[in-house]
Amino acid sequence: MLREIVGRYEYIPEPERRLEFKHRLRSYIRLYAFLSQIVTFKDPDLEQLYLFARLLLRALPQEREKASLRAAEYADLESYRIHKTFTGHISLQSGVGTLDPLAALDGAVIKDLEKAALSEIIAEINQRFGTDFTEADRVFFAELKTRLAENDSLQASAKANTRENVQLLHDALFNAALQTMIDSNFEMFKRINDNEEFGQIVRARIFDQVYQEILGNLNSN
C-alpha cells in the first residue's frame, strides 16, 4: 500500500503539489497527536489513519523544503505531574536463615541485574517526563531488548564495528521491532513514536542494555 501511494506521489510533476500533500499529512499527524492527549477519540479509523500517515510520511522521498515548514513537526505537548505510587513500611523478618552457595545464585544474579537495569529505565522516564509507568511496563522493555539482542545482524555488526556504527543499525532495527509489538502495549508504542525526546531516550537506554549483553556474550564465547 505504501509503495503504491509513494509511486503516485513521485508521479506528481509539480513540486508545489507534492509539498502541499506532505504539509497536510504532517498537519494531521501533529493535530491528532495533540488532541489525543486531551480528548478521548472513539473512532478507530482516526487512529488507523494517524498510524498510517506516520508510516507514509517516513516512506515519502525527501523534498527540498524550507526549514520553517518542518519546525513544528518536532513539537509535542507534554504534561508533568507528581504522582505517588507507593506508601508503606518495609521491615526485616526475624529468625534464622541460610545463605545459598554462590554458584547456585549465578543465574539469578544475572537476571536480577537485568531487571534492575530495566527498572532504572522506568524510574528515569517517570522522573523526567512525569509519567507513571510501572514494573508491568518493564516487561515490554525486556521483550524489546531481547528481540534486539538476539538479532543476528546486530550481533555481527558488534563484532566488526564501533559502538557508534552498531547504534546506527540498532536504531533502524529498533523501529522494526517496535512495530511488531504494537499490540502488546499500544500506549507505550504511541508515546515512543509521538514524542521525539521520549523516543530518543528509550532508544539510547535500550541500546546500552543491548550492546552490553551482546558484548558479554561475545566475550564469553
N, C-alpha and C. Protein backbone atom coordinates (compact mmCIF):
# COMPACT_ATOMS: atom_id res chain seq x y z
N MET A 1 0.83 -1.21 0.00
CA MET A 1 0.00 0.00 0.00
C MET A 1 0.87 1.26 0.00
N LEU A 2 1.93 1.24 0.79
CA LEU A 2 2.81 2.40 0.85
C LEU A 2 3.51 2.63 -0.48
N ARG A 3 3.99 1.55 -1.09
CA ARG A 3 4.70 1.68 -2.37
C ARG A 3 3.80 2.28 -3.45
N GLU A 4 2.53 1.88 -3.47
CA GLU A 4 1.61 2.41 -4.48
C GLU A 4 1.38 3.90 -4.29
N ILE A 5 1.22 4.32 -3.03
CA ILE A 5 0.99 5.74 -2.77
C ILE A 5 2.25 6.55 -3.05
N VAL A 6 3.41 6.01 -2.65
CA VAL A 6 4.66 6.71 -2.93
C VAL A 6 4.86 6.86 -4.43
N GLY A 7 4.49 5.81 -5.20
CA GLY A 7 4.60 5.89 -6.65
C GLY A 7 3.73 6.99 -7.23
N ARG A 8 2.52 7.13 -6.72
CA ARG A 8 1.64 8.19 -7.20
C ARG A 8 2.19 9.56 -6.79
N TYR A 9 2.77 9.62 -5.59
CA TYR A 9 3.35 10.87 -5.12
C TYR A 9 4.50 11.31 -6.03
N GLU A 10 5.36 10.38 -6.37
CA GLU A 10 6.50 10.71 -7.22
C GLU A 10 6.07 11.06 -8.64
N TYR A 11 4.89 10.61 -9.05
CA TYR A 11 4.40 10.88 -10.40
C TYR A 11 3.90 12.32 -10.54
N ILE A 12 3.58 12.98 -9.41
CA ILE A 12 3.08 14.36 -9.46
C ILE A 12 4.20 15.27 -9.97
N PRO A 13 4.00 15.94 -11.10
CA PRO A 13 5.09 16.73 -11.68
C PRO A 13 5.37 18.04 -10.95
N GLU A 14 4.33 18.63 -10.34
CA GLU A 14 4.51 19.93 -9.71
C GLU A 14 5.06 19.77 -8.29
N PRO A 15 6.23 20.33 -7.99
CA PRO A 15 6.79 20.24 -6.63
C PRO A 15 5.88 20.87 -5.59
N GLU A 16 5.15 21.94 -5.98
CA GLU A 16 4.28 22.61 -5.02
C GLU A 16 3.17 21.68 -4.54
N ARG A 17 2.62 20.88 -5.44
CA ARG A 17 1.55 19.94 -5.05
C ARG A 17 2.09 18.86 -4.14
N ARG A 18 3.32 18.39 -4.39
CA ARG A 18 3.92 17.38 -3.52
C ARG A 18 4.15 17.94 -2.12
N LEU A 19 4.65 19.18 -2.06
CA LEU A 19 4.89 19.81 -0.77
C LEU A 19 3.59 20.06 -0.02
N GLU A 20 2.55 20.44 -0.76
CA GLU A 20 1.25 20.68 -0.12
C GLU A 20 0.70 19.39 0.48
N PHE A 21 0.82 18.28 -0.26
CA PHE A 21 0.35 17.00 0.24
C PHE A 21 1.10 16.60 1.51
N LYS A 22 2.43 16.75 1.47
CA LYS A 22 3.23 16.38 2.64
C LYS A 22 2.92 17.30 3.82
N HIS A 23 2.68 18.56 3.54
CA HIS A 23 2.35 19.51 4.60
C HIS A 23 1.02 19.15 5.25
N ARG A 24 0.01 18.78 4.46
CA ARG A 24 -1.28 18.37 5.01
C ARG A 24 -1.14 17.08 5.82
N LEU A 25 -0.28 16.19 5.36
CA LEU A 25 -0.05 14.94 6.08
C LEU A 25 0.55 15.23 7.45
N ARG A 26 1.55 16.09 7.49
CA ARG A 26 2.16 16.46 8.77
C ARG A 26 1.16 17.16 9.68
N SER A 27 0.33 18.00 9.09
CA SER A 27 -0.64 18.74 9.89
C SER A 27 -1.59 17.79 10.60
N TYR A 28 -2.04 16.76 9.88
CA TYR A 28 -2.94 15.78 10.51
C TYR A 28 -2.23 15.04 11.62
N ILE A 29 -0.99 14.63 11.39
CA ILE A 29 -0.23 13.89 12.40
C ILE A 29 -0.05 14.74 13.65
N ARG A 30 0.35 16.00 13.48
CA ARG A 30 0.57 16.87 14.63
C ARG A 30 -0.73 17.15 15.37
N LEU A 31 -1.79 17.42 14.62
CA LEU A 31 -3.07 17.76 15.24
C LEU A 31 -3.63 16.57 16.01
N TYR A 32 -3.55 15.37 15.41
CA TYR A 32 -4.09 14.20 16.10
C TYR A 32 -3.26 13.89 17.35
N ALA A 33 -1.93 13.97 17.24
CA ALA A 33 -1.07 13.71 18.39
C ALA A 33 -1.36 14.69 19.52
N PHE A 34 -1.68 15.93 19.17
CA PHE A 34 -2.00 16.94 20.17
C PHE A 34 -3.36 16.66 20.81
N LEU A 35 -4.38 16.46 19.99
CA LEU A 35 -5.73 16.29 20.52
C LEU A 35 -5.91 14.98 21.27
N SER A 36 -5.19 13.93 20.86
CA SER A 36 -5.37 12.63 21.51
C SER A 36 -4.92 12.64 22.95
N GLN A 37 -4.13 13.65 23.35
CA GLN A 37 -3.68 13.74 24.73
C GLN A 37 -4.69 14.43 25.63
N ILE A 38 -5.67 15.12 25.05
CA ILE A 38 -6.65 15.83 25.85
C ILE A 38 -8.09 15.42 25.54
N VAL A 39 -8.29 14.66 24.45
CA VAL A 39 -9.63 14.22 24.05
C VAL A 39 -9.60 12.72 23.81
N THR A 40 -10.63 12.02 24.27
CA THR A 40 -10.75 10.59 24.03
C THR A 40 -11.50 10.34 22.73
N PHE A 41 -10.82 9.81 21.73
CA PHE A 41 -11.45 9.52 20.45
C PHE A 41 -12.09 8.13 20.49
N LYS A 42 -13.26 8.02 19.88
CA LYS A 42 -13.96 6.75 19.82
C LYS A 42 -14.04 6.19 18.41
N ASP A 43 -13.40 6.87 17.48
CA ASP A 43 -13.40 6.44 16.08
C ASP A 43 -12.07 5.75 15.78
N PRO A 44 -12.03 4.43 15.64
CA PRO A 44 -10.76 3.74 15.38
C PRO A 44 -10.15 4.11 14.03
N ASP A 45 -10.99 4.58 13.10
CA ASP A 45 -10.46 4.96 11.78
C ASP A 45 -9.49 6.14 11.89
N LEU A 46 -9.76 7.04 12.83
CA LEU A 46 -8.86 8.18 13.02
C LEU A 46 -7.49 7.72 13.51
N GLU A 47 -7.48 6.76 14.42
CA GLU A 47 -6.22 6.23 14.93
C GLU A 47 -5.47 5.47 13.85
N GLN A 48 -6.19 4.68 13.08
CA GLN A 48 -5.56 3.93 11.99
C GLN A 48 -4.98 4.88 10.94
N LEU A 49 -5.72 5.94 10.63
CA LEU A 49 -5.21 6.92 9.68
C LEU A 49 -3.97 7.61 10.22
N TYR A 50 -3.97 7.89 11.51
CA TYR A 50 -2.82 8.54 12.14
C TYR A 50 -1.57 7.66 12.02
N LEU A 51 -1.71 6.38 12.35
CA LEU A 51 -0.57 5.46 12.27
C LEU A 51 -0.11 5.29 10.82
N PHE A 52 -1.07 5.17 9.92
CA PHE A 52 -0.71 5.01 8.50
C PHE A 52 -0.03 6.27 7.98
N ALA A 53 -0.51 7.43 8.41
CA ALA A 53 0.08 8.69 7.95
C ALA A 53 1.53 8.81 8.42
N ARG A 54 1.82 8.36 9.64
CA ARG A 54 3.20 8.42 10.14
C ARG A 54 4.11 7.52 9.30
N LEU A 55 3.64 6.33 8.98
CA LEU A 55 4.44 5.42 8.15
C LEU A 55 4.62 5.97 6.75
N LEU A 56 3.56 6.56 6.21
CA LEU A 56 3.63 7.11 4.87
C LEU A 56 4.60 8.29 4.80
N LEU A 57 4.58 9.14 5.82
CA LEU A 57 5.46 10.30 5.83
C LEU A 57 6.92 9.88 5.80
N ARG A 58 7.23 8.79 6.51
CA ARG A 58 8.61 8.28 6.51
C ARG A 58 8.98 7.68 5.16
N ALA A 59 7.99 7.14 4.47
CA ALA A 59 8.28 6.46 3.21
C ALA A 59 8.40 7.43 2.04
N LEU A 60 7.80 8.60 2.15
CA LEU A 60 7.85 9.56 1.05
C LEU A 60 9.27 10.08 0.84
N PRO A 61 9.66 10.31 -0.39
CA PRO A 61 11.02 10.81 -0.67
C PRO A 61 11.19 12.22 -0.11
N GLN A 62 12.44 12.55 0.21
CA GLN A 62 12.74 13.86 0.76
C GLN A 62 12.60 14.93 -0.32
N GLU A 63 12.04 16.05 0.09
CA GLU A 63 11.91 17.20 -0.80
C GLU A 63 12.77 18.34 -0.26
N ARG A 64 13.12 19.25 -1.11
CA ARG A 64 13.86 20.43 -0.69
C ARG A 64 12.88 21.45 -0.13
N GLU A 65 12.61 21.27 1.17
CA GLU A 65 11.64 22.14 1.82
C GLU A 65 12.35 23.20 2.65
N LYS A 66 11.65 24.29 2.90
CA LYS A 66 12.17 25.29 3.80
C LYS A 66 12.11 24.79 5.23
N ALA A 67 13.08 25.21 6.02
CA ALA A 67 13.14 24.73 7.41
C ALA A 67 11.90 25.09 8.19
N SER A 68 11.25 26.23 7.84
CA SER A 68 10.08 26.68 8.57
C SER A 68 8.92 25.70 8.45
N LEU A 69 8.86 24.95 7.35
CA LEU A 69 7.77 24.01 7.17
C LEU A 69 7.92 22.79 8.06
N ARG A 70 9.14 22.50 8.52
CA ARG A 70 9.39 21.31 9.31
C ARG A 70 9.58 21.61 10.79
N ALA A 71 9.59 22.89 11.16
CA ALA A 71 9.91 23.23 12.55
C ALA A 71 8.89 22.65 13.52
N ALA A 72 7.61 22.78 13.21
CA ALA A 72 6.58 22.33 14.14
C ALA A 72 6.44 20.82 14.19
N GLU A 73 7.11 20.13 13.29
CA GLU A 73 6.98 18.67 13.25
C GLU A 73 7.52 18.03 14.52
N TYR A 74 8.45 18.72 15.18
CA TYR A 74 9.11 18.14 16.34
C TYR A 74 8.55 18.68 17.65
N ALA A 75 7.43 19.42 17.59
CA ALA A 75 6.83 19.96 18.79
C ALA A 75 5.78 19.01 19.32
N ASP A 76 5.83 18.75 20.64
CA ASP A 76 4.87 17.86 21.27
C ASP A 76 4.37 18.52 22.56
N LEU A 77 3.12 18.25 22.89
CA LEU A 77 2.56 18.72 24.14
C LEU A 77 2.82 17.67 25.21
N GLU A 78 3.41 18.08 26.31
CA GLU A 78 3.71 17.16 27.40
C GLU A 78 3.10 17.69 28.69
N SER A 79 2.66 16.79 29.53
CA SER A 79 2.14 17.16 30.83
C SER A 79 3.07 16.61 31.91
N TYR A 80 3.27 17.38 32.96
CA TYR A 80 4.16 16.98 34.03
C TYR A 80 3.38 17.02 35.34
N ARG A 81 3.55 16.01 36.15
CA ARG A 81 2.83 15.95 37.41
C ARG A 81 3.57 15.07 38.39
N ILE A 82 3.31 15.30 39.68
CA ILE A 82 3.86 14.45 40.75
C ILE A 82 2.80 13.43 41.11
N HIS A 83 3.18 12.18 41.15
CA HIS A 83 2.21 11.10 41.35
C HIS A 83 2.78 10.10 42.35
N LYS A 84 2.08 9.89 43.47
CA LYS A 84 2.52 8.91 44.46
C LYS A 84 2.17 7.51 43.98
N THR A 85 3.15 6.63 43.98
CA THR A 85 2.92 5.26 43.51
C THR A 85 2.99 4.23 44.62
N PHE A 86 3.51 4.62 45.81
CA PHE A 86 3.64 3.63 46.87
C PHE A 86 3.72 4.33 48.21
N THR A 87 3.11 3.73 49.23
CA THR A 87 3.26 4.18 50.60
C THR A 87 3.19 2.97 51.51
N GLY A 88 4.00 2.95 52.56
CA GLY A 88 4.01 1.79 53.45
C GLY A 88 5.34 1.67 54.16
N HIS A 89 5.53 0.53 54.83
CA HIS A 89 6.74 0.29 55.60
C HIS A 89 7.38 -1.03 55.15
N ILE A 90 8.68 -1.07 55.23
CA ILE A 90 9.43 -2.29 54.91
C ILE A 90 10.22 -2.68 56.15
N SER A 91 10.07 -3.91 56.58
CA SER A 91 10.77 -4.38 57.78
C SER A 91 11.40 -5.74 57.51
N LEU A 92 12.49 -6.01 58.20
CA LEU A 92 13.16 -7.30 58.08
C LEU A 92 12.45 -8.35 58.91
N GLN A 93 12.43 -9.57 58.41
CA GLN A 93 11.82 -10.67 59.15
C GLN A 93 12.84 -11.26 60.14
N SER A 94 12.37 -11.53 61.33
CA SER A 94 13.25 -12.12 62.34
C SER A 94 13.32 -13.63 62.16
N GLY A 95 14.39 -14.23 62.68
CA GLY A 95 14.53 -15.67 62.58
C GLY A 95 15.87 -16.06 62.00
N VAL A 96 16.12 -17.37 61.96
CA VAL A 96 17.38 -17.90 61.46
C VAL A 96 17.20 -18.30 60.00
N GLY A 97 18.13 -17.89 59.15
CA GLY A 97 18.06 -18.24 57.75
C GLY A 97 19.35 -18.87 57.27
N THR A 98 19.38 -19.26 56.02
CA THR A 98 20.57 -19.87 55.43
C THR A 98 20.96 -19.11 54.17
N LEU A 99 22.25 -19.10 53.90
CA LEU A 99 22.77 -18.45 52.71
C LEU A 99 23.17 -19.52 51.71
N ASP A 100 22.56 -19.47 50.53
CA ASP A 100 22.85 -20.46 49.50
C ASP A 100 24.25 -20.26 48.94
N PRO A 101 24.87 -21.32 48.42
CA PRO A 101 26.20 -21.20 47.80
C PRO A 101 26.15 -20.21 46.65
N LEU A 102 27.28 -19.53 46.42
CA LEU A 102 27.35 -18.51 45.38
C LEU A 102 27.11 -19.10 44.00
N ALA A 103 27.58 -20.32 43.74
CA ALA A 103 27.44 -20.94 42.42
C ALA A 103 25.98 -21.13 42.05
N ALA A 104 25.14 -21.37 43.05
CA ALA A 104 23.73 -21.61 42.76
C ALA A 104 22.99 -20.32 42.46
N LEU A 105 23.64 -19.19 42.71
CA LEU A 105 22.96 -17.91 42.53
C LEU A 105 23.39 -17.19 41.26
N ASP A 106 24.32 -17.78 40.49
CA ASP A 106 24.86 -17.08 39.32
C ASP A 106 23.77 -16.65 38.37
N GLY A 107 22.89 -17.57 38.00
CA GLY A 107 21.83 -17.26 37.05
C GLY A 107 20.89 -16.21 37.58
N ALA A 108 20.56 -16.30 38.87
CA ALA A 108 19.64 -15.35 39.46
C ALA A 108 20.26 -13.96 39.51
N VAL A 109 21.56 -13.89 39.75
CA VAL A 109 22.22 -12.59 39.81
C VAL A 109 22.14 -11.89 38.48
N ILE A 110 22.37 -12.63 37.39
CA ILE A 110 22.31 -12.03 36.06
C ILE A 110 20.91 -11.50 35.78
N LYS A 111 19.90 -12.29 36.11
CA LYS A 111 18.53 -11.85 35.87
C LYS A 111 18.17 -10.65 36.72
N ASP A 112 18.65 -10.65 37.99
CA ASP A 112 18.35 -9.53 38.86
C ASP A 112 19.01 -8.25 38.37
N LEU A 113 20.25 -8.37 37.88
CA LEU A 113 20.93 -7.20 37.33
C LEU A 113 20.20 -6.65 36.12
N GLU A 114 19.73 -7.55 35.27
CA GLU A 114 18.98 -7.12 34.09
C GLU A 114 17.68 -6.45 34.49
N LYS A 115 16.99 -7.05 35.46
CA LYS A 115 15.74 -6.47 35.94
C LYS A 115 15.98 -5.10 36.55
N ALA A 116 17.07 -4.98 37.33
CA ALA A 116 17.38 -3.70 37.95
C ALA A 116 17.67 -2.63 36.91
N ALA A 117 18.41 -3.01 35.86
CA ALA A 117 18.76 -2.04 34.82
C ALA A 117 17.51 -1.54 34.10
N LEU A 118 16.59 -2.45 33.78
CA LEU A 118 15.36 -2.05 33.10
C LEU A 118 14.46 -1.24 34.04
N SER A 119 14.49 -1.58 35.32
CA SER A 119 13.71 -0.82 36.28
C SER A 119 14.25 0.60 36.41
N GLU A 120 15.55 0.75 36.28
CA GLU A 120 16.15 2.08 36.32
C GLU A 120 15.69 2.92 35.13
N ILE A 121 15.50 2.26 33.97
CA ILE A 121 14.98 2.97 32.81
C ILE A 121 13.59 3.51 33.10
N ILE A 122 12.74 2.66 33.69
CA ILE A 122 11.39 3.07 34.06
C ILE A 122 11.43 4.25 35.02
N ALA A 123 12.30 4.15 36.05
CA ALA A 123 12.39 5.21 37.05
C ALA A 123 12.87 6.52 36.44
N GLU A 124 13.85 6.44 35.54
CA GLU A 124 14.36 7.65 34.90
C GLU A 124 13.29 8.32 34.04
N ILE A 125 12.55 7.50 33.28
CA ILE A 125 11.49 8.04 32.42
C ILE A 125 10.40 8.70 33.26
N ASN A 126 10.00 8.03 34.35
CA ASN A 126 8.96 8.60 35.21
C ASN A 126 9.38 9.94 35.79
N GLN A 127 10.63 10.01 36.23
CA GLN A 127 11.12 11.24 36.83
C GLN A 127 11.25 12.36 35.81
N ARG A 128 11.68 12.01 34.62
CA ARG A 128 11.96 13.04 33.61
C ARG A 128 10.71 13.54 32.93
N PHE A 129 9.74 12.65 32.70
CA PHE A 129 8.56 13.02 31.92
C PHE A 129 7.28 13.08 32.75
N GLY A 130 7.38 12.82 34.04
CA GLY A 130 6.20 12.88 34.87
C GLY A 130 5.19 11.78 34.59
N THR A 131 5.64 10.67 34.05
CA THR A 131 4.76 9.54 33.74
C THR A 131 4.63 8.64 34.96
N ASP A 132 3.79 7.64 34.86
CA ASP A 132 3.59 6.72 35.98
C ASP A 132 3.71 5.27 35.50
N PHE A 133 4.71 5.00 34.66
CA PHE A 133 4.94 3.64 34.20
C PHE A 133 5.33 2.75 35.38
N THR A 134 4.91 1.51 35.33
CA THR A 134 5.13 0.58 36.44
C THR A 134 6.03 -0.57 35.99
N GLU A 135 6.20 -1.52 36.90
CA GLU A 135 7.00 -2.70 36.59
C GLU A 135 6.38 -3.51 35.46
N ALA A 136 5.07 -3.37 35.28
CA ALA A 136 4.42 -4.08 34.17
C ALA A 136 4.96 -3.59 32.83
N ASP A 137 5.29 -2.31 32.75
CA ASP A 137 5.85 -1.76 31.51
C ASP A 137 7.28 -2.25 31.30
N ARG A 138 7.94 -2.66 32.39
CA ARG A 138 9.29 -3.20 32.27
C ARG A 138 9.29 -4.45 31.40
N VAL A 139 8.21 -5.22 31.45
CA VAL A 139 8.11 -6.43 30.64
C VAL A 139 8.18 -6.07 29.15
N PHE A 140 7.55 -4.96 28.79
CA PHE A 140 7.58 -4.50 27.39
C PHE A 140 9.01 -4.19 26.98
N PHE A 141 9.73 -3.44 27.82
CA PHE A 141 11.12 -3.10 27.51
C PHE A 141 12.00 -4.34 27.48
N ALA A 142 11.72 -5.29 28.38
CA ALA A 142 12.52 -6.51 28.42
C ALA A 142 12.35 -7.32 27.13
N GLU A 143 11.13 -7.40 26.64
CA GLU A 143 10.87 -8.14 25.40
C GLU A 143 11.52 -7.42 24.22
N LEU A 144 11.43 -6.10 24.21
CA LEU A 144 12.04 -5.32 23.13
C LEU A 144 13.55 -5.49 23.14
N LYS A 145 14.16 -5.44 24.31
CA LYS A 145 15.61 -5.61 24.43
C LYS A 145 16.04 -7.00 23.98
N THR A 146 15.26 -8.03 24.35
CA THR A 146 15.60 -9.40 23.98
C THR A 146 15.57 -9.59 22.47
N ARG A 147 14.55 -9.04 21.82
CA ARG A 147 14.44 -9.18 20.36
C ARG A 147 15.63 -8.53 19.65
N LEU A 148 16.06 -7.39 20.16
CA LEU A 148 17.19 -6.70 19.54
C LEU A 148 18.51 -7.40 19.83
N ALA A 149 18.69 -7.85 21.06
CA ALA A 149 19.94 -8.50 21.45
C ALA A 149 20.14 -9.82 20.71
N GLU A 150 19.04 -10.47 20.31
CA GLU A 150 19.12 -11.74 19.62
C GLU A 150 19.15 -11.58 18.10
N ASN A 151 19.17 -10.36 17.61
CA ASN A 151 19.20 -10.12 16.17
C ASN A 151 20.57 -10.47 15.60
N ASP A 152 20.60 -11.32 14.61
CA ASP A 152 21.87 -11.79 14.04
C ASP A 152 22.67 -10.65 13.40
N SER A 153 21.98 -9.75 12.71
CA SER A 153 22.68 -8.64 12.05
C SER A 153 23.34 -7.72 13.06
N LEU A 154 22.65 -7.49 14.17
CA LEU A 154 23.20 -6.62 15.20
C LEU A 154 24.39 -7.28 15.89
N GLN A 155 24.30 -8.58 16.12
CA GLN A 155 25.42 -9.30 16.72
C GLN A 155 26.64 -9.29 15.81
N ALA A 156 26.40 -9.50 14.51
CA ALA A 156 27.51 -9.49 13.55
C ALA A 156 28.13 -8.10 13.47
N SER A 157 27.32 -7.07 13.55
CA SER A 157 27.84 -5.71 13.48
C SER A 157 28.70 -5.39 14.70
N ALA A 158 28.29 -5.90 15.86
CA ALA A 158 29.06 -5.63 17.08
C ALA A 158 30.44 -6.27 17.04
N LYS A 159 30.60 -7.32 16.26
CA LYS A 159 31.90 -7.99 16.17
C LYS A 159 32.91 -7.17 15.37
N ALA A 160 32.44 -6.38 14.41
CA ALA A 160 33.38 -5.76 13.47
C ALA A 160 33.30 -4.24 13.42
N ASN A 161 32.39 -3.63 14.17
CA ASN A 161 32.20 -2.18 14.04
C ASN A 161 32.33 -1.49 15.39
N THR A 162 32.43 -0.17 15.32
CA THR A 162 32.48 0.64 16.52
C THR A 162 31.10 0.72 17.15
N ARG A 163 31.06 1.18 18.39
CA ARG A 163 29.80 1.31 19.10
C ARG A 163 28.85 2.25 18.35
N GLU A 164 29.41 3.36 17.78
CA GLU A 164 28.58 4.33 17.07
C GLU A 164 27.91 3.69 15.85
N ASN A 165 28.66 2.88 15.10
CA ASN A 165 28.08 2.24 13.92
C ASN A 165 27.04 1.19 14.31
N VAL A 166 27.31 0.48 15.40
CA VAL A 166 26.35 -0.51 15.87
C VAL A 166 25.05 0.18 16.30
N GLN A 167 25.18 1.35 16.89
CA GLN A 167 23.98 2.07 17.34
C GLN A 167 23.13 2.54 16.17
N LEU A 168 23.77 2.90 15.06
CA LEU A 168 23.01 3.29 13.88
C LEU A 168 22.14 2.14 13.38
N LEU A 169 22.72 0.95 13.34
CA LEU A 169 21.95 -0.22 12.92
C LEU A 169 20.88 -0.54 13.95
N HIS A 170 21.22 -0.42 15.23
CA HIS A 170 20.27 -0.69 16.29
C HIS A 170 19.03 0.20 16.18
N ASP A 171 19.24 1.49 15.91
CA ASP A 171 18.10 2.40 15.83
C ASP A 171 17.18 2.05 14.67
N ALA A 172 17.77 1.57 13.57
CA ALA A 172 16.94 1.15 12.44
C ALA A 172 16.15 -0.11 12.78
N LEU A 173 16.80 -1.05 13.44
CA LEU A 173 16.13 -2.29 13.84
C LEU A 173 15.13 -2.05 14.96
N PHE A 174 15.40 -1.05 15.77
CA PHE A 174 14.50 -0.71 16.88
C PHE A 174 13.10 -0.40 16.36
N ASN A 175 13.02 0.41 15.32
CA ASN A 175 11.72 0.78 14.77
C ASN A 175 10.96 -0.43 14.24
N ALA A 176 11.69 -1.34 13.59
CA ALA A 176 11.04 -2.54 13.05
C ALA A 176 10.54 -3.44 14.18
N ALA A 177 11.37 -3.61 15.22
CA ALA A 177 10.98 -4.44 16.35
C ALA A 177 9.80 -3.82 17.10
N LEU A 178 9.82 -2.50 17.24
CA LEU A 178 8.74 -1.81 17.93
C LEU A 178 7.42 -1.98 17.20
N GLN A 179 7.47 -1.97 15.88
CA GLN A 179 6.26 -2.11 15.07
C GLN A 179 5.59 -3.45 15.30
N THR A 180 6.38 -4.49 15.53
CA THR A 180 5.82 -5.83 15.75
C THR A 180 5.19 -5.98 17.13
N MET A 181 5.45 -5.01 18.03
CA MET A 181 4.95 -5.11 19.41
C MET A 181 3.82 -4.13 19.68
N ILE A 182 3.22 -3.60 18.63
CA ILE A 182 2.19 -2.59 18.80
C ILE A 182 1.00 -3.10 19.60
N ASP A 183 0.67 -4.38 19.45
CA ASP A 183 -0.50 -4.92 20.14
C ASP A 183 -0.24 -5.21 21.61
N SER A 184 1.01 -5.40 22.00
CA SER A 184 1.32 -5.76 23.38
C SER A 184 1.24 -4.57 24.32
N ASN A 185 1.56 -3.38 23.82
CA ASN A 185 1.49 -2.18 24.67
C ASN A 185 1.35 -0.97 23.74
N PHE A 186 0.14 -0.72 23.32
CA PHE A 186 -0.09 0.33 22.32
C PHE A 186 0.26 1.71 22.87
N GLU A 187 -0.04 1.96 24.15
CA GLU A 187 0.23 3.26 24.73
C GLU A 187 1.72 3.58 24.71
N MET A 188 2.55 2.58 25.03
CA MET A 188 4.00 2.79 25.01
C MET A 188 4.48 2.99 23.57
N PHE A 189 3.95 2.19 22.66
CA PHE A 189 4.29 2.33 21.24
C PHE A 189 3.97 3.74 20.75
N LYS A 190 2.80 4.22 21.10
CA LYS A 190 2.35 5.53 20.65
C LYS A 190 3.21 6.64 21.24
N ARG A 191 3.56 6.53 22.51
CA ARG A 191 4.36 7.57 23.14
C ARG A 191 5.76 7.63 22.56
N ILE A 192 6.36 6.47 22.30
CA ILE A 192 7.71 6.45 21.72
C ILE A 192 7.71 7.11 20.35
N ASN A 193 6.66 6.88 19.57
CA ASN A 193 6.60 7.44 18.22
C ASN A 193 6.16 8.90 18.21
N ASP A 194 5.33 9.30 19.16
CA ASP A 194 4.79 10.65 19.15
C ASP A 194 5.73 11.68 19.74
N ASN A 195 6.47 11.28 20.78
CA ASN A 195 7.33 12.21 21.50
C ASN A 195 8.78 11.93 21.11
N GLU A 196 9.38 12.83 20.34
CA GLU A 196 10.73 12.60 19.83
C GLU A 196 11.75 12.46 20.96
N GLU A 197 11.69 13.35 21.96
CA GLU A 197 12.65 13.30 23.06
C GLU A 197 12.49 12.01 23.86
N PHE A 198 11.25 11.64 24.13
CA PHE A 198 10.97 10.41 24.86
C PHE A 198 11.51 9.20 24.09
N GLY A 199 11.24 9.17 22.78
CA GLY A 199 11.70 8.05 21.95
C GLY A 199 13.21 7.95 21.90
N GLN A 200 13.89 9.09 21.83
CA GLN A 200 15.35 9.07 21.79
C GLN A 200 15.95 8.52 23.08
N ILE A 201 15.36 8.89 24.21
CA ILE A 201 15.86 8.39 25.49
C ILE A 201 15.65 6.89 25.60
N VAL A 202 14.48 6.41 25.21
CA VAL A 202 14.20 4.98 25.27
C VAL A 202 15.16 4.21 24.36
N ARG A 203 15.36 4.71 23.15
CA ARG A 203 16.29 4.05 22.22
C ARG A 203 17.70 3.99 22.81
N ALA A 204 18.15 5.11 23.38
CA ALA A 204 19.51 5.16 23.92
C ALA A 204 19.68 4.21 25.10
N ARG A 205 18.70 4.17 25.99
CA ARG A 205 18.82 3.31 27.18
C ARG A 205 18.71 1.83 26.81
N ILE A 206 17.82 1.52 25.88
CA ILE A 206 17.70 0.13 25.44
C ILE A 206 18.97 -0.30 24.72
N PHE A 207 19.55 0.60 23.91
CA PHE A 207 20.78 0.26 23.22
C PHE A 207 21.90 -0.04 24.20
N ASP A 208 21.99 0.73 25.28
CA ASP A 208 23.02 0.46 26.29
C ASP A 208 22.92 -0.97 26.80
N GLN A 209 21.69 -1.41 27.09
CA GLN A 209 21.49 -2.76 27.60
C GLN A 209 21.78 -3.81 26.53
N VAL A 210 21.32 -3.54 25.31
CA VAL A 210 21.53 -4.49 24.21
C VAL A 210 23.01 -4.65 23.91
N TYR A 211 23.72 -3.54 23.83
CA TYR A 211 25.14 -3.57 23.48
C TYR A 211 25.95 -4.30 24.55
N GLN A 212 25.64 -4.04 25.81
CA GLN A 212 26.35 -4.72 26.90
C GLN A 212 26.11 -6.23 26.85
N GLU A 213 24.87 -6.62 26.57
CA GLU A 213 24.55 -8.05 26.52
C GLU A 213 25.25 -8.73 25.36
N ILE A 214 25.26 -8.08 24.20
CA ILE A 214 25.93 -8.67 23.04
C ILE A 214 27.41 -8.80 23.28
N LEU A 215 28.04 -7.76 23.82
CA LEU A 215 29.49 -7.82 24.11
C LEU A 215 29.78 -8.88 25.16
N GLY A 216 28.90 -8.98 26.15
CA GLY A 216 29.09 -10.01 27.18
C GLY A 216 29.05 -11.42 26.59
N ASN A 217 28.12 -11.64 25.68
CA ASN A 217 28.02 -12.96 25.03
C ASN A 217 29.23 -13.23 24.15
N LEU A 218 29.73 -12.20 23.44
CA LEU A 218 30.90 -12.37 22.58
C LEU A 218 32.13 -12.69 23.40
N ASN A 219 32.30 -12.01 24.52
CA ASN A 219 33.47 -12.24 25.37
C ASN A 219 33.43 -13.62 26.03
N SER A 220 32.21 -14.07 26.37
CA SER A 220 32.09 -15.39 27.00
C SER A 220 32.35 -16.53 26.02
N ASN A 221 32.09 -16.24 24.73
CA ASN A 221 32.34 -17.27 23.72
C ASN A 221 33.79 -17.26 23.25
